[in-house]
Structures are given as structure tokens and as C-alpha cells.
Amino acid sequence: MPAIREPKIFHGLPSVPSGNEQGPVVMSIGGDATRYLTPAAVYLIVKEVFRRAADEIESTNPVGAATLHRASTHWLRHSAASHQADAGTDLRFIQKNLRHASIETTGIYLHAEE
């Protein structure tokens, strides 16, 4: 979170999203306050981080490495929703957070520990 907050503060933007703002969530790595990382760029960065982590543990934990190779931003979305549910967050809040039209769709995220 500090890596997201600090550039926003530097550019005079709110450090915590209000839910109503139209500006970028993730600032441009070039420091331009009018630019931001696209969803595709964030996806590629996350995939690269997971790939590097998988490569690092491959020799000692091949199963874990295989899991990390499959991980993605959508995987993080599932994980966040599952953790919210495990913490007792109201399912309707999770539904709104994930922007699901149907509560049944949100229910898919409430599965096994993995």
C-alpha cells in the first residue's frame, strides 16, 4: 500500500480511494500524474512477479512453483474475496466490491481454503 499511496500523495491526490474518484488507482511508473498503469500492464507485472517467485522456489517446491505459474490478477481477486468471506465480511459487501450483478456469482468465491 505505501507504494500506491506515496506517489498519489506526491501528486496531491487522495492516498486512499474514496470509491467515487475517477483518477488512477496505480500511478504511472514514470511519475506523470495524468497517466496510470492500464489493467493489462498491471496484469503483466503481476504475472512477472509470480513467475519470478515460481522460478525461485522451483527446485525446492515444484508443486508450489506450478501453482504460482498459474497465478494471475484474477487469482488474486478470488483470494481477496475468499479472505473477506473468511473474515466474516457480509456477502452483499463482497458482491458490491466485486461488482457482481448476482449474489450467486459471488457465492462461487466462497470455496475451499486453497
N, C-alpha and C. Protein backbone atom coordinates (compact mmCIF):
# COMPACT_ATOMS: atom_id res chain seq x y z
N MET A 1 0.80 -1.20 0.00
CA MET A 1 0.00 0.00 0.00
C MET A 1 0.85 1.27 0.00
N PRO A 2 1.99 1.29 0.71
CA PRO A 2 2.80 2.52 0.63
C PRO A 2 3.23 2.83 -0.80
N ALA A 3 3.51 1.80 -1.60
CA ALA A 3 3.94 2.03 -2.98
C ALA A 3 2.80 2.64 -3.81
N ILE A 4 1.57 2.41 -3.41
CA ILE A 4 0.43 3.01 -4.11
C ILE A 4 0.15 4.41 -3.54
N ARG A 5 0.23 4.53 -2.21
CA ARG A 5 -0.09 5.80 -1.54
C ARG A 5 0.90 6.92 -1.82
N GLU A 6 2.19 6.63 -1.72
CA GLU A 6 3.20 7.69 -1.77
C GLU A 6 3.18 8.50 -3.07
N PRO A 7 3.12 7.88 -4.24
CA PRO A 7 3.06 8.70 -5.46
C PRO A 7 1.79 9.54 -5.54
N LYS A 8 0.69 8.99 -5.02
CA LYS A 8 -0.56 9.75 -5.05
C LYS A 8 -0.46 10.99 -4.17
N ILE A 9 0.11 10.83 -2.98
CA ILE A 9 0.30 11.96 -2.08
C ILE A 9 1.22 12.99 -2.73
N PHE A 10 2.30 12.52 -3.35
CA PHE A 10 3.25 13.41 -4.01
C PHE A 10 2.55 14.27 -5.06
N HIS A 11 1.59 13.71 -5.77
CA HIS A 11 0.88 14.43 -6.83
C HIS A 11 -0.37 15.14 -6.33
N GLY A 12 -0.54 15.18 -4.99
CA GLY A 12 -1.68 15.90 -4.43
C GLY A 12 -3.01 15.18 -4.58
N LEU A 13 -2.97 13.88 -4.79
CA LEU A 13 -4.18 13.09 -4.93
C LEU A 13 -4.51 12.41 -3.60
N PRO A 14 -5.77 12.02 -3.39
CA PRO A 14 -6.10 11.31 -2.16
C PRO A 14 -5.31 10.00 -2.09
N SER A 15 -4.78 9.70 -0.91
CA SER A 15 -3.95 8.50 -0.76
C SER A 15 -4.78 7.23 -0.67
N VAL A 16 -6.04 7.36 -0.28
CA VAL A 16 -6.92 6.21 -0.15
C VAL A 16 -8.11 6.41 -1.09
N PRO A 17 -8.42 5.44 -1.93
CA PRO A 17 -9.55 5.60 -2.84
C PRO A 17 -10.85 5.82 -2.07
N SER A 18 -11.66 6.74 -2.56
CA SER A 18 -12.93 7.06 -1.90
C SER A 18 -14.08 6.21 -2.44
N GLY A 19 -13.87 5.60 -3.57
CA GLY A 19 -14.93 4.85 -4.22
C GLY A 19 -15.65 5.67 -5.28
N ASN A 20 -15.47 7.00 -5.22
CA ASN A 20 -16.13 7.90 -6.17
C ASN A 20 -15.14 8.58 -7.11
N GLU A 21 -13.84 8.39 -6.85
CA GLU A 21 -12.87 9.10 -7.66
C GLU A 21 -12.74 8.49 -9.05
N GLN A 22 -12.35 9.33 -9.98
CA GLN A 22 -12.20 8.91 -11.37
C GLN A 22 -10.73 8.75 -11.76
N GLY A 23 -9.83 9.13 -10.89
CA GLY A 23 -8.40 9.10 -11.20
C GLY A 23 -7.83 7.71 -11.11
N PRO A 24 -6.52 7.62 -11.36
CA PRO A 24 -5.85 6.33 -11.38
C PRO A 24 -5.72 5.71 -9.99
N VAL A 25 -5.80 4.40 -9.95
CA VAL A 25 -5.54 3.67 -8.71
C VAL A 25 -4.04 3.43 -8.61
N VAL A 26 -3.42 3.03 -9.71
CA VAL A 26 -1.98 2.79 -9.74
C VAL A 26 -1.35 3.82 -10.67
N MET A 27 -0.51 4.66 -10.08
CA MET A 27 0.10 5.74 -10.85
C MET A 27 1.09 5.19 -11.88
N SER A 28 1.36 6.00 -12.87
CA SER A 28 2.37 5.66 -13.87
C SER A 28 3.73 5.54 -13.20
N ILE A 29 4.50 4.59 -13.66
CA ILE A 29 5.85 4.44 -13.09
C ILE A 29 6.75 5.59 -13.53
N GLY A 30 6.33 6.35 -14.53
CA GLY A 30 7.10 7.50 -14.98
C GLY A 30 6.84 8.75 -14.16
N GLY A 31 5.86 8.70 -13.25
CA GLY A 31 5.59 9.84 -12.37
C GLY A 31 4.66 10.89 -12.95
N ASP A 32 4.06 10.64 -14.09
CA ASP A 32 3.12 11.59 -14.69
C ASP A 32 1.76 11.41 -14.01
N ALA A 33 1.29 12.45 -13.32
CA ALA A 33 0.04 12.37 -12.56
C ALA A 33 -1.19 12.19 -13.44
N THR A 34 -1.06 12.44 -14.72
CA THR A 34 -2.21 12.28 -15.61
C THR A 34 -2.25 10.90 -16.27
N ARG A 35 -1.24 10.09 -15.98
CA ARG A 35 -1.18 8.75 -16.58
C ARG A 35 -1.24 7.70 -15.48
N TYR A 36 -1.62 6.50 -15.85
CA TYR A 36 -1.69 5.41 -14.89
C TYR A 36 -1.42 4.10 -15.60
N LEU A 37 -1.16 3.08 -14.81
CA LEU A 37 -0.94 1.76 -15.40
C LEU A 37 -2.28 1.18 -15.83
N THR A 38 -2.33 0.67 -17.02
CA THR A 38 -3.56 0.06 -17.52
C THR A 38 -3.77 -1.30 -16.84
N PRO A 39 -4.99 -1.82 -16.87
CA PRO A 39 -5.21 -3.17 -16.34
C PRO A 39 -4.29 -4.20 -16.98
N ALA A 40 -4.02 -4.06 -18.27
CA ALA A 40 -3.13 -5.01 -18.96
C ALA A 40 -1.71 -4.91 -18.41
N ALA A 41 -1.24 -3.69 -18.14
CA ALA A 41 0.10 -3.51 -17.59
C ALA A 41 0.19 -4.10 -16.19
N VAL A 42 -0.83 -3.87 -15.36
CA VAL A 42 -0.84 -4.43 -14.01
C VAL A 42 -0.82 -5.95 -14.10
N TYR A 43 -1.61 -6.52 -15.02
CA TYR A 43 -1.65 -7.97 -15.20
C TYR A 43 -0.25 -8.51 -15.54
N LEU A 44 0.41 -7.87 -16.47
CA LEU A 44 1.75 -8.33 -16.88
C LEU A 44 2.77 -8.22 -15.75
N ILE A 45 2.67 -7.17 -14.96
CA ILE A 45 3.58 -7.01 -13.82
C ILE A 45 3.32 -8.11 -12.80
N VAL A 46 2.06 -8.36 -12.49
CA VAL A 46 1.72 -9.40 -11.51
C VAL A 46 2.18 -10.77 -12.01
N LYS A 47 1.95 -11.07 -13.28
CA LYS A 47 2.39 -12.36 -13.84
C LYS A 47 3.91 -12.50 -13.73
N GLU A 48 4.64 -11.41 -13.97
CA GLU A 48 6.10 -11.46 -13.89
C GLU A 48 6.55 -11.69 -12.44
N VAL A 49 5.90 -11.06 -11.49
CA VAL A 49 6.24 -11.28 -10.08
C VAL A 49 6.00 -12.73 -9.70
N PHE A 50 4.85 -13.28 -10.10
CA PHE A 50 4.57 -14.68 -9.81
C PHE A 50 5.56 -15.61 -10.51
N ARG A 51 5.94 -15.28 -11.75
CA ARG A 51 6.90 -16.11 -12.47
C ARG A 51 8.25 -16.13 -11.75
N ARG A 52 8.69 -14.96 -11.32
CA ARG A 52 9.99 -14.89 -10.62
C ARG A 52 9.93 -15.66 -9.30
N ALA A 53 8.82 -15.54 -8.58
CA ALA A 53 8.68 -16.28 -7.32
C ALA A 53 8.67 -17.78 -7.59
N ALA A 54 7.97 -18.20 -8.65
CA ALA A 54 7.92 -19.62 -9.00
C ALA A 54 9.31 -20.13 -9.37
N ASP A 55 10.05 -19.36 -10.15
CA ASP A 55 11.40 -19.77 -10.53
C ASP A 55 12.29 -19.90 -9.30
N GLU A 56 12.09 -19.03 -8.33
CA GLU A 56 12.91 -19.03 -7.11
C GLU A 56 12.70 -20.30 -6.27
N ILE A 57 11.47 -20.82 -6.25
CA ILE A 57 11.19 -21.98 -5.40
C ILE A 57 11.11 -23.30 -6.16
N GLU A 58 11.28 -23.24 -7.48
CA GLU A 58 11.12 -24.42 -8.34
C GLU A 58 11.90 -25.64 -7.83
N SER A 59 13.13 -25.46 -7.44
CA SER A 59 13.97 -26.60 -7.06
C SER A 59 13.57 -27.22 -5.73
N THR A 60 13.01 -26.43 -4.83
CA THR A 60 12.64 -26.95 -3.52
C THR A 60 11.15 -27.22 -3.36
N ASN A 61 10.33 -26.60 -4.20
CA ASN A 61 8.88 -26.75 -4.08
C ASN A 61 8.24 -26.71 -5.47
N PRO A 62 8.39 -27.79 -6.24
CA PRO A 62 7.86 -27.77 -7.61
C PRO A 62 6.33 -27.64 -7.68
N VAL A 63 5.63 -28.17 -6.70
CA VAL A 63 4.16 -28.05 -6.70
C VAL A 63 3.77 -26.59 -6.46
N GLY A 64 4.42 -25.95 -5.49
CA GLY A 64 4.16 -24.54 -5.23
C GLY A 64 4.52 -23.68 -6.43
N ALA A 65 5.62 -24.00 -7.08
CA ALA A 65 6.05 -23.26 -8.27
C ALA A 65 5.01 -23.39 -9.38
N ALA A 66 4.48 -24.60 -9.58
CA ALA A 66 3.46 -24.81 -10.61
C ALA A 66 2.22 -23.98 -10.31
N THR A 67 1.86 -23.89 -9.04
CA THR A 67 0.70 -23.07 -8.64
C THR A 67 0.97 -21.61 -8.96
N LEU A 68 2.16 -21.12 -8.63
CA LEU A 68 2.49 -19.72 -8.90
C LEU A 68 2.52 -19.42 -10.39
N HIS A 69 2.94 -20.37 -11.20
CA HIS A 69 2.94 -20.16 -12.66
C HIS A 69 1.52 -19.97 -13.19
N ARG A 70 0.54 -20.56 -12.53
CA ARG A 70 -0.86 -20.41 -12.96
C ARG A 70 -1.52 -19.16 -12.38
N ALA A 71 -0.89 -18.54 -11.38
CA ALA A 71 -1.49 -17.41 -10.68
C ALA A 71 -1.61 -16.19 -11.59
N SER A 72 -2.60 -15.35 -11.29
CA SER A 72 -2.85 -14.15 -12.09
C SER A 72 -3.58 -13.11 -11.24
N THR A 73 -3.89 -11.98 -11.85
CA THR A 73 -4.67 -10.97 -11.14
C THR A 73 -6.05 -11.50 -10.78
N HIS A 74 -6.62 -12.33 -11.63
CA HIS A 74 -7.93 -12.90 -11.32
C HIS A 74 -7.82 -13.86 -10.13
N TRP A 75 -6.71 -14.56 -10.04
CA TRP A 75 -6.43 -15.43 -8.90
C TRP A 75 -6.40 -14.60 -7.62
N LEU A 76 -5.78 -13.41 -7.68
CA LEU A 76 -5.76 -12.52 -6.52
C LEU A 76 -7.17 -12.05 -6.16
N ARG A 77 -7.99 -11.83 -7.17
CA ARG A 77 -9.39 -11.42 -6.96
C ARG A 77 -10.13 -12.51 -6.17
N HIS A 78 -9.96 -13.76 -6.61
CA HIS A 78 -10.58 -14.88 -5.89
C HIS A 78 -10.07 -14.94 -4.45
N SER A 79 -8.77 -14.80 -4.28
CA SER A 79 -8.17 -14.86 -2.95
C SER A 79 -8.71 -13.76 -2.04
N ALA A 80 -8.79 -12.54 -2.56
CA ALA A 80 -9.30 -11.43 -1.76
C ALA A 80 -10.73 -11.67 -1.32
N ALA A 81 -11.58 -12.12 -2.24
CA ALA A 81 -12.97 -12.39 -1.90
C ALA A 81 -13.08 -13.51 -0.87
N SER A 82 -12.28 -14.54 -1.03
CA SER A 82 -12.30 -15.65 -0.07
C SER A 82 -11.85 -15.19 1.31
N HIS A 83 -10.80 -14.38 1.37
CA HIS A 83 -10.32 -13.88 2.66
C HIS A 83 -11.35 -12.96 3.31
N GLN A 84 -12.03 -12.16 2.50
CA GLN A 84 -13.08 -11.30 3.04
C GLN A 84 -14.20 -12.15 3.65
N ALA A 85 -14.58 -13.20 2.95
CA ALA A 85 -15.64 -14.09 3.44
C ALA A 85 -15.20 -14.80 4.71
N ASP A 86 -13.95 -15.29 4.72
CA ASP A 86 -13.41 -15.98 5.90
C ASP A 86 -13.36 -15.06 7.11
N ALA A 87 -13.19 -13.76 6.87
CA ALA A 87 -13.12 -12.78 7.96
C ALA A 87 -14.50 -12.36 8.44
N GLY A 88 -15.54 -12.91 7.79
CA GLY A 88 -16.90 -12.60 8.21
C GLY A 88 -17.53 -11.41 7.52
N THR A 89 -16.91 -10.93 6.46
CA THR A 89 -17.47 -9.80 5.71
C THR A 89 -18.81 -10.21 5.10
N ASP A 90 -19.77 -9.33 5.18
CA ASP A 90 -21.10 -9.60 4.63
C ASP A 90 -20.99 -9.90 3.14
N LEU A 91 -21.65 -10.96 2.70
CA LEU A 91 -21.59 -11.38 1.30
C LEU A 91 -22.07 -10.28 0.35
N ARG A 92 -23.01 -9.47 0.79
CA ARG A 92 -23.50 -8.38 -0.07
C ARG A 92 -22.41 -7.34 -0.31
N PHE A 93 -21.57 -7.09 0.71
CA PHE A 93 -20.45 -6.16 0.54
C PHE A 93 -19.46 -6.73 -0.47
N ILE A 94 -19.15 -8.02 -0.33
CA ILE A 94 -18.22 -8.67 -1.27
C ILE A 94 -18.80 -8.61 -2.68
N GLN A 95 -20.09 -8.85 -2.81
CA GLN A 95 -20.76 -8.78 -4.11
C GLN A 95 -20.58 -7.39 -4.72
N LYS A 96 -20.81 -6.35 -3.90
CA LYS A 96 -20.68 -4.98 -4.41
C LYS A 96 -19.23 -4.68 -4.77
N ASN A 97 -18.30 -5.11 -3.92
CA ASN A 97 -16.88 -4.89 -4.15
C ASN A 97 -16.42 -5.53 -5.47
N LEU A 98 -16.94 -6.72 -5.76
CA LEU A 98 -16.58 -7.43 -6.99
C LEU A 98 -17.43 -7.01 -8.19
N ARG A 99 -18.41 -6.15 -7.93
CA ARG A 99 -19.34 -5.66 -8.97
C ARG A 99 -20.08 -6.79 -9.66
N HIS A 100 -20.55 -7.74 -8.86
CA HIS A 100 -21.36 -8.83 -9.39
C HIS A 100 -22.84 -8.43 -9.39
N ALA A 101 -23.53 -8.72 -10.46
CA ALA A 101 -24.97 -8.46 -10.52
C ALA A 101 -25.73 -9.46 -9.65
N SER A 102 -25.23 -10.67 -9.57
CA SER A 102 -25.94 -11.74 -8.86
C SER A 102 -25.14 -12.21 -7.64
N ILE A 103 -25.84 -12.39 -6.53
CA ILE A 103 -25.20 -12.90 -5.31
C ILE A 103 -24.72 -14.34 -5.52
N GLU A 104 -25.37 -15.07 -6.42
CA GLU A 104 -24.95 -16.44 -6.72
C GLU A 104 -23.55 -16.46 -7.35
N THR A 105 -23.26 -15.47 -8.17
CA THR A 105 -21.92 -15.38 -8.76
C THR A 105 -20.89 -15.16 -7.67
N THR A 106 -21.19 -14.32 -6.72
CA THR A 106 -20.28 -14.05 -5.60
C THR A 106 -20.07 -15.31 -4.78
N GLY A 107 -21.10 -16.13 -4.64
CA GLY A 107 -21.01 -17.36 -3.87
C GLY A 107 -19.94 -18.32 -4.39
N ILE A 108 -19.57 -18.20 -5.66
CA ILE A 108 -18.54 -19.05 -6.25
C ILE A 108 -17.20 -18.83 -5.54
N TYR A 109 -16.98 -17.61 -5.05
CA TYR A 109 -15.72 -17.28 -4.40
C TYR A 109 -15.61 -17.85 -3.00
N LEU A 110 -16.68 -18.39 -2.49
CA LEU A 110 -16.68 -18.92 -1.13
C LEU A 110 -16.48 -20.41 -1.16
N HIS A 111 -15.25 -20.82 -1.41
CA HIS A 111 -14.95 -22.24 -1.52
C HIS A 111 -13.77 -22.62 -0.64
N ALA A 112 -13.13 -23.66 -0.97
CA ALA A 112 -12.06 -24.25 -0.14
C ALA A 112 -10.95 -23.27 0.19
N GLU A 113 -10.21 -23.59 1.23
CA GLU A 113 -9.08 -22.80 1.72
C GLU A 113 -8.10 -22.42 0.63
N GLU A 114 -7.83 -23.30 -0.32
CA GLU A 114 -6.84 -23.06 -1.36
C GLU A 114 -7.17 -21.79 -2.09
